[in-house]
């Protein structure tokens, strides 16, 4: 039985290192926070304080956004690995 991670529909593929974030259903703030934190695209990695100021959110909220996005990515990768093993 194959389950869809976190309600995603369709194929979702993050392209790391090219600044593209193709996860269907992801929230814009999550995407922006992850891009800023890890320096995806043409930007340098940023600290939480800078991300917080740019998004207009408290640091703990930025941390929650990033953690949620990383959990989604982790689940997506686990699902892909499960499909490859099948």
PDB file of N, CA and C in Angstrom:
ATOM      1  N   UNK A   1       0.839  -1.182   0.000  1.00  0.00           N
ATOM      2  CA  UNK A   1       0.000   0.000   0.000  1.00  0.00           C
ATOM      3  C   UNK A   1       0.882   1.242   0.000  1.00  0.00           C
ATOM      4  N   UNK A   2       0.671   2.113  -0.948  1.00  0.00           N
ATOM      5  CA  UNK A   2       1.455   3.339  -1.045  1.00  0.00           C
ATOM      6  C   UNK A   2       0.637   4.507  -0.538  1.00  0.00           C
ATOM      7  N   UNK A   3       1.217   5.256   0.381  1.00  0.00           N
ATOM      8  CA  UNK A   3       0.531   6.439   0.888  1.00  0.00           C
ATOM      9  C   UNK A   3       1.168   7.682   0.301  1.00  0.00           C
ATOM     10  N   UNK A   4       0.397   8.737   0.182  1.00  0.00           N
ATOM     11  CA  UNK A   4       0.907  10.007  -0.314  1.00  0.00           C
ATOM     12  C   UNK A   4       1.348  10.832   0.887  1.00  0.00           C
ATOM     13  N   UNK A   5       2.593  11.355   0.866  1.00  0.00           N
ATOM     14  CA  UNK A   5       3.099  12.088   2.010  1.00  0.00           C
ATOM     15  C   UNK A   5       2.399  13.423   2.213  1.00  0.00           C
ATOM     16  N   UNK A   6       1.901  13.646   3.419  1.00  0.00           N
ATOM     17  CA  UNK A   6       1.341  14.922   3.832  1.00  0.00           C
ATOM     18  C   UNK A   6       0.359  15.505   2.833  1.00  0.00           C
ATOM     19  N   UNK A   7      -0.421  14.685   2.191  1.00  0.00           N
ATOM     20  CA  UNK A   7      -1.458  15.176   1.310  1.00  0.00           C
ATOM     21  C   UNK A   7      -0.981  15.684  -0.035  1.00  0.00           C
ATOM     22  N   UNK A   8       0.272  15.393  -0.406  1.00  0.00           N
ATOM     23  CA  UNK A   8       0.747  15.813  -1.722  1.00  0.00           C
ATOM     24  C   UNK A   8       0.005  15.048  -2.791  1.00  0.00           C
ATOM     25  N   UNK A   9      -0.235  15.690  -3.906  1.00  0.00           N
ATOM     26  CA  UNK A   9      -0.830  15.024  -5.043  1.00  0.00           C
ATOM     27  C   UNK A   9       0.109  15.181  -6.220  1.00  0.00           C
ATOM     28  N   UNK A  10       0.355  14.120  -6.905  1.00  0.00           N
ATOM     29  CA  UNK A  10       1.255  14.187  -8.048  1.00  0.00           C
ATOM     30  C   UNK A  10       2.696  13.984  -7.642  1.00  0.00           C
ATOM     31  N   UNK A  11       3.577  14.129  -8.603  1.00  0.00           N
ATOM     32  CA  UNK A  11       5.003  13.934  -8.371  1.00  0.00           C
ATOM     33  C   UNK A  11       5.599  15.209  -7.823  1.00  0.00           C
ATOM     34  N   UNK A  12       6.433  15.064  -6.818  1.00  0.00           N
ATOM     35  CA  UNK A  12       7.065  16.209  -6.193  1.00  0.00           C
ATOM     36  C   UNK A  12       8.565  15.987  -6.154  1.00  0.00           C
ATOM     37  N   UNK A  13       9.327  16.873  -6.753  1.00  0.00           N
ATOM     38  CA  UNK A  13      10.766  16.691  -6.809  1.00  0.00           C
ATOM     39  C   UNK A  13      11.486  17.988  -6.455  1.00  0.00           C
ATOM     40  N   UNK A  14      12.202  18.005  -5.318  1.00  0.00           N
ATOM     41  CA  UNK A  14      13.019  19.179  -5.028  1.00  0.00           C
ATOM     42  C   UNK A  14      14.311  19.083  -5.813  1.00  0.00           C
ATOM     43  N   UNK A  15      14.753  20.171  -6.398  1.00  0.00           N
ATOM     44  CA  UNK A  15      15.999  20.191  -7.144  1.00  0.00           C
ATOM     45  C   UNK A  15      16.976  21.038  -6.349  1.00  0.00           C
ATOM     46  N   UNK A  16      17.783  20.370  -5.534  1.00  0.00           N
ATOM     47  CA  UNK A  16      18.708  21.056  -4.649  1.00  0.00           C
ATOM     48  C   UNK A  16      19.903  21.561  -5.464  1.00  0.00           C
ATOM     49  N   UNK A  17      20.362  22.745  -5.136  1.00  0.00           N
ATOM     50  CA  UNK A  17      21.527  23.303  -5.787  1.00  0.00           C
ATOM     51  C   UNK A  17      21.196  24.146  -7.005  1.00  0.00           C
ATOM     52  N   UNK A  18      19.966  24.103  -7.460  1.00  0.00           N
ATOM     53  CA  UNK A  18      19.576  24.905  -8.608  1.00  0.00           C
ATOM     54  C   UNK A  18      18.590  25.994  -8.206  1.00  0.00           C
ATOM     55  N   UNK A  19      18.270  26.075  -6.918  1.00  0.00           N
ATOM     56  CA  UNK A  19      17.375  27.113  -6.443  1.00  0.00           C
ATOM     57  C   UNK A  19      15.925  26.885  -6.807  1.00  0.00           C
ATOM     58  N   UNK A  20      15.594  25.695  -7.246  1.00  0.00           N
ATOM     59  CA  UNK A  20      14.216  25.395  -7.612  1.00  0.00           C
ATOM     60  C   UNK A  20      13.613  24.513  -6.541  1.00  0.00           C
ATOM     61  N   UNK A  21      12.363  24.784  -6.222  1.00  0.00           N
ATOM     62  CA  UNK A  21      11.694  24.044  -5.151  1.00  0.00           C
ATOM     63  C   UNK A  21      10.350  23.624  -5.702  1.00  0.00           C
ATOM     64  N   UNK A  22      10.263  22.400  -6.177  1.00  0.00           N
ATOM     65  CA  UNK A  22       9.065  21.943  -6.871  1.00  0.00           C
ATOM     66  C   UNK A  22       8.257  20.965  -6.032  1.00  0.00           C
ATOM     67  N   UNK A  23       7.839  21.362  -4.877  1.00  0.00           N
ATOM     68  CA  UNK A  23       7.010  20.481  -4.072  1.00  0.00           C
ATOM     69  C   UNK A  23       5.593  21.008  -4.139  1.00  0.00           C
ATOM     70  N   UNK A  24       4.764  20.250  -4.803  1.00  0.00           N
ATOM     71  CA  UNK A  24       3.368  20.654  -4.960  1.00  0.00           C
ATOM     72  C   UNK A  24       2.722  20.741  -3.584  1.00  0.00           C
ATOM     73  N   UNK A  25       2.035  21.817  -3.315  1.00  0.00           N
ATOM     74  CA  UNK A  25       1.342  21.984  -2.044  1.00  0.00           C
ATOM     75  C   UNK A  25       2.174  22.632  -0.958  1.00  0.00           C
ATOM     76  N   UNK A  26       3.455  22.901  -1.210  1.00  0.00           N
ATOM     77  CA  UNK A  26       4.260  23.538  -0.160  1.00  0.00           C
ATOM     78  C   UNK A  26       3.873  25.009  -0.033  1.00  0.00           C
ATOM     79  N   UNK A  27       4.032  25.516   1.138  1.00  0.00           N
ATOM     80  CA  UNK A  27       3.670  26.911   1.365  1.00  0.00           C
ATOM     81  C   UNK A  27       4.824  27.819   0.973  1.00  0.00           C
ATOM     82  N   UNK A  28       4.482  28.978   0.474  1.00  0.00           N
ATOM     83  CA  UNK A  28       5.474  29.951   0.019  1.00  0.00           C
ATOM     84  C   UNK A  28       6.446  30.337   1.131  1.00  0.00           C
ATOM     85  N   UNK A  29       5.954  30.554   2.333  1.00  0.00           N
ATOM     86  CA  UNK A  29       6.846  30.936   3.430  1.00  0.00           C
ATOM     87  C   UNK A  29       7.824  29.822   3.766  1.00  0.00           C
ATOM     88  N   UNK A  30       7.375  28.578   3.732  1.00  0.00           N
ATOM     89  CA  UNK A  30       8.276  27.453   3.989  1.00  0.00           C
ATOM     90  C   UNK A  30       9.377  27.434   2.943  1.00  0.00           C
ATOM     91  N   UNK A  31       8.992  27.570   1.689  1.00  0.00           N
ATOM     92  CA  UNK A  31       9.956  27.539   0.597  1.00  0.00           C
ATOM     93  C   UNK A  31      10.990  28.647   0.758  1.00  0.00           C
ATOM     94  N   UNK A  32      10.509  29.850   1.007  1.00  0.00           N
ATOM     95  CA  UNK A  32      11.421  30.986   1.155  1.00  0.00           C
ATOM     96  C   UNK A  32      12.355  30.808   2.346  1.00  0.00           C
ATOM     97  N   UNK A  33      11.811  30.325   3.460  1.00  0.00           N
ATOM     98  CA  UNK A  33      12.627  30.135   4.661  1.00  0.00           C
ATOM     99  C   UNK A  33      13.728  29.098   4.417  1.00  0.00           C
ATOM    100  N   UNK A  34      13.397  27.997   3.763  1.00  0.00           N
ATOM    101  CA  UNK A  34      14.397  26.952   3.487  1.00  0.00           C
ATOM    102  C   UNK A  34      15.441  27.468   2.497  1.00  0.00           C
ATOM    103  N   UNK A  35      14.997  28.154   1.467  1.00  0.00           N
ATOM    104  CA  UNK A  35      15.950  28.713   0.503  1.00  0.00           C
ATOM    105  C   UNK A  35      16.932  29.665   1.178  1.00  0.00           C
ATOM    106  N   UNK A  36      16.418  30.516   2.065  1.00  0.00           N
ATOM    107  CA  UNK A  36      17.280  31.472   2.752  1.00  0.00           C
ATOM    108  C   UNK A  36      18.217  30.761   3.732  1.00  0.00           C
ATOM    109  N   UNK A  37      17.680  29.828   4.495  1.00  0.00           N
ATOM    110  CA  UNK A  37      18.473  29.155   5.527  1.00  0.00           C
ATOM    111  C   UNK A  37      19.637  28.373   4.943  1.00  0.00           C
ATOM    112  N   UNK A  38      19.400  27.686   3.818  1.00  0.00           N
ATOM    113  CA  UNK A  38      20.420  26.812   3.250  1.00  0.00           C
ATOM    114  C   UNK A  38      21.120  27.407   2.033  1.00  0.00           C
ATOM    115  N   UNK A  39      20.808  28.645   1.694  1.00  0.00           N
ATOM    116  CA  UNK A  39      21.502  29.318   0.608  1.00  0.00           C
ATOM    117  C   UNK A  39      21.216  28.725  -0.762  1.00  0.00           C
ATOM    118  N   UNK A  40      19.977  28.314  -0.986  1.00  0.00           N
ATOM    119  CA  UNK A  40      19.618  27.759  -2.287  1.00  0.00           C
ATOM    120  C   UNK A  40      19.439  28.887  -3.294  1.00  0.00           C
ATOM    121  N   UNK A  41      19.656  28.577  -4.541  1.00  0.00           N
ATOM    122  CA  UNK A  41      19.548  29.619  -5.563  1.00  0.00           C
ATOM    123  C   UNK A  41      20.807  30.461  -5.567  1.00  0.00           C
ATOM    124  N   UNK A  42      20.635  31.739  -5.675  1.00  0.00           N
ATOM    125  CA  UNK A  42      21.786  32.636  -5.786  1.00  0.00           C
ATOM    126  C   UNK A  42      22.110  33.378  -4.494  1.00  0.00           C
ATOM    127  N   UNK A  43      21.624  32.891  -3.380  1.00  0.00           N
ATOM    128  CA  UNK A  43      21.863  33.595  -2.117  1.00  0.00           C
ATOM    129  C   UNK A  43      22.776  32.788  -1.205  1.00  0.00           C
ATOM    130  N   UNK A  44      23.379  33.484  -0.257  1.00  0.00           N
ATOM    131  CA  UNK A  44      24.204  32.862   0.772  1.00  0.00           C
ATOM    132  C   UNK A  44      23.289  32.360   1.897  1.00  0.00           C
ATOM    133  N   UNK A  45      23.707  31.317   2.633  1.00  0.00           N
ATOM    134  CA  UNK A  45      22.897  30.874   3.774  1.00  0.00           C
ATOM    135  C   UNK A  45      22.718  32.008   4.782  1.00  0.00           C
ATOM    136  N   UNK A  46      21.538  32.088   5.358  1.00  0.00           N
ATOM    137  CA  UNK A  46      21.221  33.161   6.303  1.00  0.00           C
ATOM    138  C   UNK A  46      20.941  32.593   7.691  1.00  0.00           C
ATOM    139  N   UNK A  47      21.214  33.401   8.699  1.00  0.00           N
ATOM    140  CA  UNK A  47      20.898  33.015  10.073  1.00  0.00           C
ATOM    141  C   UNK A  47      19.422  33.303  10.339  1.00  0.00           C
ATOM    142  N   UNK A  48      18.906  32.689  11.389  1.00  0.00           N
ATOM    143  CA  UNK A  48      17.482  32.817  11.718  1.00  0.00           C
ATOM    144  C   UNK A  48      17.040  34.271  11.883  1.00  0.00           C
ATOM    145  N   UNK A  49      17.881  35.084  12.486  1.00  0.00           N
ATOM    146  CA  UNK A  49      17.525  36.486  12.715  1.00  0.00           C
ATOM    147  C   UNK A  49      17.236  37.198  11.394  1.00  0.00           C
ATOM    148  N   UNK A  50      18.077  36.966  10.395  1.00  0.00           N
ATOM    149  CA  UNK A  50      17.903  37.609   9.087  1.00  0.00           C
ATOM    150  C   UNK A  50      16.640  37.100   8.401  1.00  0.00           C
ATOM    151  N   UNK A  51      16.421  35.799   8.452  1.00  0.00           N
ATOM    152  CA  UNK A  51      15.226  35.212   7.837  1.00  0.00           C
ATOM    153  C   UNK A  51      13.978  35.752   8.523  1.00  0.00           C
ATOM    154  N   UNK A  52      14.038  35.817   9.845  1.00  0.00           N
ATOM    155  CA  UNK A  52      12.926  36.331  10.635  1.00  0.00           C
ATOM    156  C   UNK A  52      12.571  37.761  10.230  1.00  0.00           C
ATOM    157  N   UNK A  53      13.578  38.590  10.093  1.00  0.00           N
ATOM    158  CA  UNK A  53      13.341  39.983   9.703  1.00  0.00           C
ATOM    159  C   UNK A  53      12.768  40.073   8.297  1.00  0.00           C
ATOM    160  N   UNK A  54      13.313  39.287   7.366  1.00  0.00           N
ATOM    161  CA  UNK A  54      12.856  39.361   5.979  1.00  0.00           C
ATOM    162  C   UNK A  54      11.413  38.857   5.821  1.00  0.00           C
ATOM    163  N   UNK A  55      11.058  37.811   6.569  1.00  0.00           N
ATOM    164  CA  UNK A  55       9.700  37.261   6.476  1.00  0.00           C
ATOM    165  C   UNK A  55       8.723  37.976   7.409  1.00  0.00           C
ATOM    166  N   UNK A  56       9.241  38.764   8.335  1.00  0.00           N
ATOM    167  CA  UNK A  56       8.376  39.468   9.279  1.00  0.00           C
ATOM    168  C   UNK A  56       7.741  38.535  10.295  1.00  0.00           C
ATOM    169  N   UNK A  57       8.494  37.496  10.682  1.00  0.00           N
ATOM    170  CA  UNK A  57       8.003  36.501  11.633  1.00  0.00           C
ATOM    171  C   UNK A  57       8.992  36.356  12.778  1.00  0.00           C
ATOM    172  N   UNK A  58       8.518  35.931  13.949  1.00  0.00           N
ATOM    173  CA  UNK A  58       9.450  35.654  15.045  1.00  0.00           C
ATOM    174  C   UNK A  58      10.346  34.459  14.684  1.00  0.00           C
ATOM    175  N   UNK A  59      11.532  34.429  15.276  1.00  0.00           N
ATOM    176  CA  UNK A  59      12.483  33.355  14.970  1.00  0.00           C
ATOM    177  C   UNK A  59      11.912  31.968  15.233  1.00  0.00           C
ATOM    178  N   UNK A  60      11.146  31.806  16.311  1.00  0.00           N
ATOM    179  CA  UNK A  60      10.608  30.478  16.603  1.00  0.00           C
ATOM    180  C   UNK A  60       9.636  30.026  15.514  1.00  0.00           C
ATOM    181  N   UNK A  61       8.925  30.955  14.915  1.00  0.00           N
ATOM    182  CA  UNK A  61       7.997  30.623  13.821  1.00  0.00           C
ATOM    183  C   UNK A  61       8.765  30.211  12.564  1.00  0.00           C
ATOM    184  N   UNK A  62       9.872  30.905  12.280  1.00  0.00           N
ATOM    185  CA  UNK A  62      10.721  30.543  11.141  1.00  0.00           C
ATOM    186  C   UNK A  62      11.267  29.130  11.344  1.00  0.00           C
ATOM    187  N   UNK A  63      11.711  28.840  12.557  1.00  0.00           N
ATOM    188  CA  UNK A  63      12.228  27.511  12.878  1.00  0.00           C
ATOM    189  C   UNK A  63      11.157  26.453  12.642  1.00  0.00           C
ATOM    190  N   UNK A  64       9.921  26.737  13.043  1.00  0.00           N
ATOM    191  CA  UNK A  64       8.812  25.805  12.813  1.00  0.00           C
ATOM    192  C   UNK A  64       8.577  25.581  11.318  1.00  0.00           C
ATOM    193  N   UNK A  65       8.606  26.654  10.528  1.00  0.00           N
ATOM    194  CA  UNK A  65       8.409  26.534   9.084  1.00  0.00           C
ATOM    195  C   UNK A  65       9.481  25.648   8.458  1.00  0.00           C
ATOM    196  N   UNK A  66      10.732  25.898   8.834  1.00  0.00           N
ATOM    197  CA  UNK A  66      11.835  25.118   8.272  1.00  0.00           C
ATOM    198  C   UNK A  66      11.728  23.662   8.693  1.00  0.00           C
ATOM    199  N   UNK A  67      11.438  23.425   9.963  1.00  0.00           N
ATOM    200  CA  UNK A  67      11.311  22.041  10.446  1.00  0.00           C
ATOM    201  C   UNK A  67      10.184  21.302   9.736  1.00  0.00           C
ATOM    202  N   UNK A  68       9.063  21.967   9.529  1.00  0.00           N
ATOM    203  CA  UNK A  68       7.940  21.325   8.836  1.00  0.00           C
ATOM    204  C   UNK A  68       8.315  20.987   7.392  1.00  0.00           C
ATOM    205  N   UNK A  69       8.985  21.912   6.718  1.00  0.00           N
ATOM    206  CA  UNK A  69       9.406  21.660   5.331  1.00  0.00           C
ATOM    207  C   UNK A  69      10.400  20.506   5.268  1.00  0.00           C
ATOM    208  N   UNK A  70      11.337  20.454   6.214  1.00  0.00           N
ATOM    209  CA  UNK A  70      12.315  19.369   6.221  1.00  0.00           C
ATOM    210  C   UNK A  70      11.659  18.026   6.534  1.00  0.00           C
ATOM    211  N   UNK A  71      10.645  18.031   7.398  1.00  0.00           N
ATOM    212  CA  UNK A  71       9.904  16.794   7.672  1.00  0.00           C
ATOM    213  C   UNK A  71       9.197  16.305   6.410  1.00  0.00           C
ATOM    214  N   UNK A  72       8.625  17.232   5.663  1.00  0.00           N
ATOM    215  CA  UNK A  72       7.960  16.859   4.407  1.00  0.00           C
ATOM    216  C   UNK A  72       8.955  16.264   3.423  1.00  0.00           C
ATOM    217  N   UNK A  73      10.111  16.904   3.297  1.00  0.00           N
ATOM    218  CA  UNK A  73      11.141  16.391   2.400  1.00  0.00           C
ATOM    219  C   UNK A  73      11.616  15.007   2.839  1.00  0.00           C
ATOM    220  N   UNK A  74      11.809  14.843   4.123  1.00  0.00           N
ATOM    221  CA  UNK A  74      12.245  13.551   4.653  1.00  0.00           C
ATOM    222  C   UNK A  74      11.228  12.461   4.345  1.00  0.00           C
ATOM    223  N   UNK A  75       9.958  12.762   4.540  1.00  0.00           N
ATOM    224  CA  UNK A  75       8.904  11.788   4.256  1.00  0.00           C
ATOM    225  C   UNK A  75       8.846  11.492   2.759  1.00  0.00           C
ATOM    226  N   UNK A  76       9.001  12.521   1.944  1.00  0.00           N
ATOM    227  CA  UNK A  76       8.994  12.346   0.492  1.00  0.00           C
ATOM    228  C   UNK A  76      10.129  11.424   0.059  1.00  0.00           C
ATOM    229  N   UNK A  77      11.313  11.658   0.589  1.00  0.00           N
ATOM    230  CA  UNK A  77      12.452  10.817   0.236  1.00  0.00           C
ATOM    231  C   UNK A  77      12.267   9.384   0.715  1.00  0.00           C
ATOM    232  N   UNK A  78      11.696   9.211   1.897  1.00  0.00           N
ATOM    233  CA  UNK A  78      11.416   7.861   2.396  1.00  0.00           C
ATOM    234  C   UNK A  78      10.408   7.150   1.491  1.00  0.00           C
ATOM    235  N   UNK A  79       9.408   7.866   1.043  1.00  0.00           N
ATOM    236  CA  UNK A  79       8.412   7.281   0.139  1.00  0.00           C
ATOM    237  C   UNK A  79       9.043   6.899  -1.196  1.00  0.00           C
ATOM    238  N   UNK A  80       9.935   7.732  -1.701  1.00  0.00           N
ATOM    239  CA  UNK A  80      10.620   7.421  -2.961  1.00  0.00           C
ATOM    240  C   UNK A  80      11.472   6.176  -2.797  1.00  0.00           C
ATOM    241  N   UNK A  81      12.212   6.095  -1.700  1.00  0.00           N
ATOM    242  CA  UNK A  81      13.029   4.922  -1.438  1.00  0.00           C
ATOM    243  C   UNK A  81      12.181   3.665  -1.311  1.00  0.00           C
ATOM    244  N   UNK A  82      11.020   3.788  -0.681  1.00  0.00           N
ATOM    245  CA  UNK A  82      10.103   2.648  -0.537  1.00  0.00           C
ATOM    246  C   UNK A  82       9.628   2.193  -1.902  1.00  0.00           C
ATOM    247  N   UNK A  83       9.312   3.122  -2.769  1.00  0.00           N
ATOM    248  CA  UNK A  83       8.860   2.779  -4.122  1.00  0.00           C
ATOM    249  C   UNK A  83       9.990   2.130  -4.931  1.00  0.00           C
ATOM    250  N   UNK A  84      11.198   2.615  -4.772  1.00  0.00           N
ATOM    251  CA  UNK A  84      12.338   2.015  -5.483  1.00  0.00           C
ATOM    252  C   UNK A  84      12.587   0.589  -5.026  1.00  0.00           C
ATOM    253  N   UNK A  85      12.394   0.351  -3.738  1.00  0.00           N
ATOM    254  CA  UNK A  85      12.649  -0.996  -3.172  1.00  0.00           C
ATOM    255  C   UNK A  85      11.552  -1.979  -3.573  1.00  0.00           C
ATOM    256  N   UNK A  86      10.391  -1.494  -3.938  1.00  0.00           N
ATOM    257  CA  UNK A  86       9.269  -2.384  -4.258  1.00  0.00           C
ATOM    258  C   UNK A  86       9.417  -3.048  -5.596  1.00  0.00           C
TER     259      UNK A  86
END
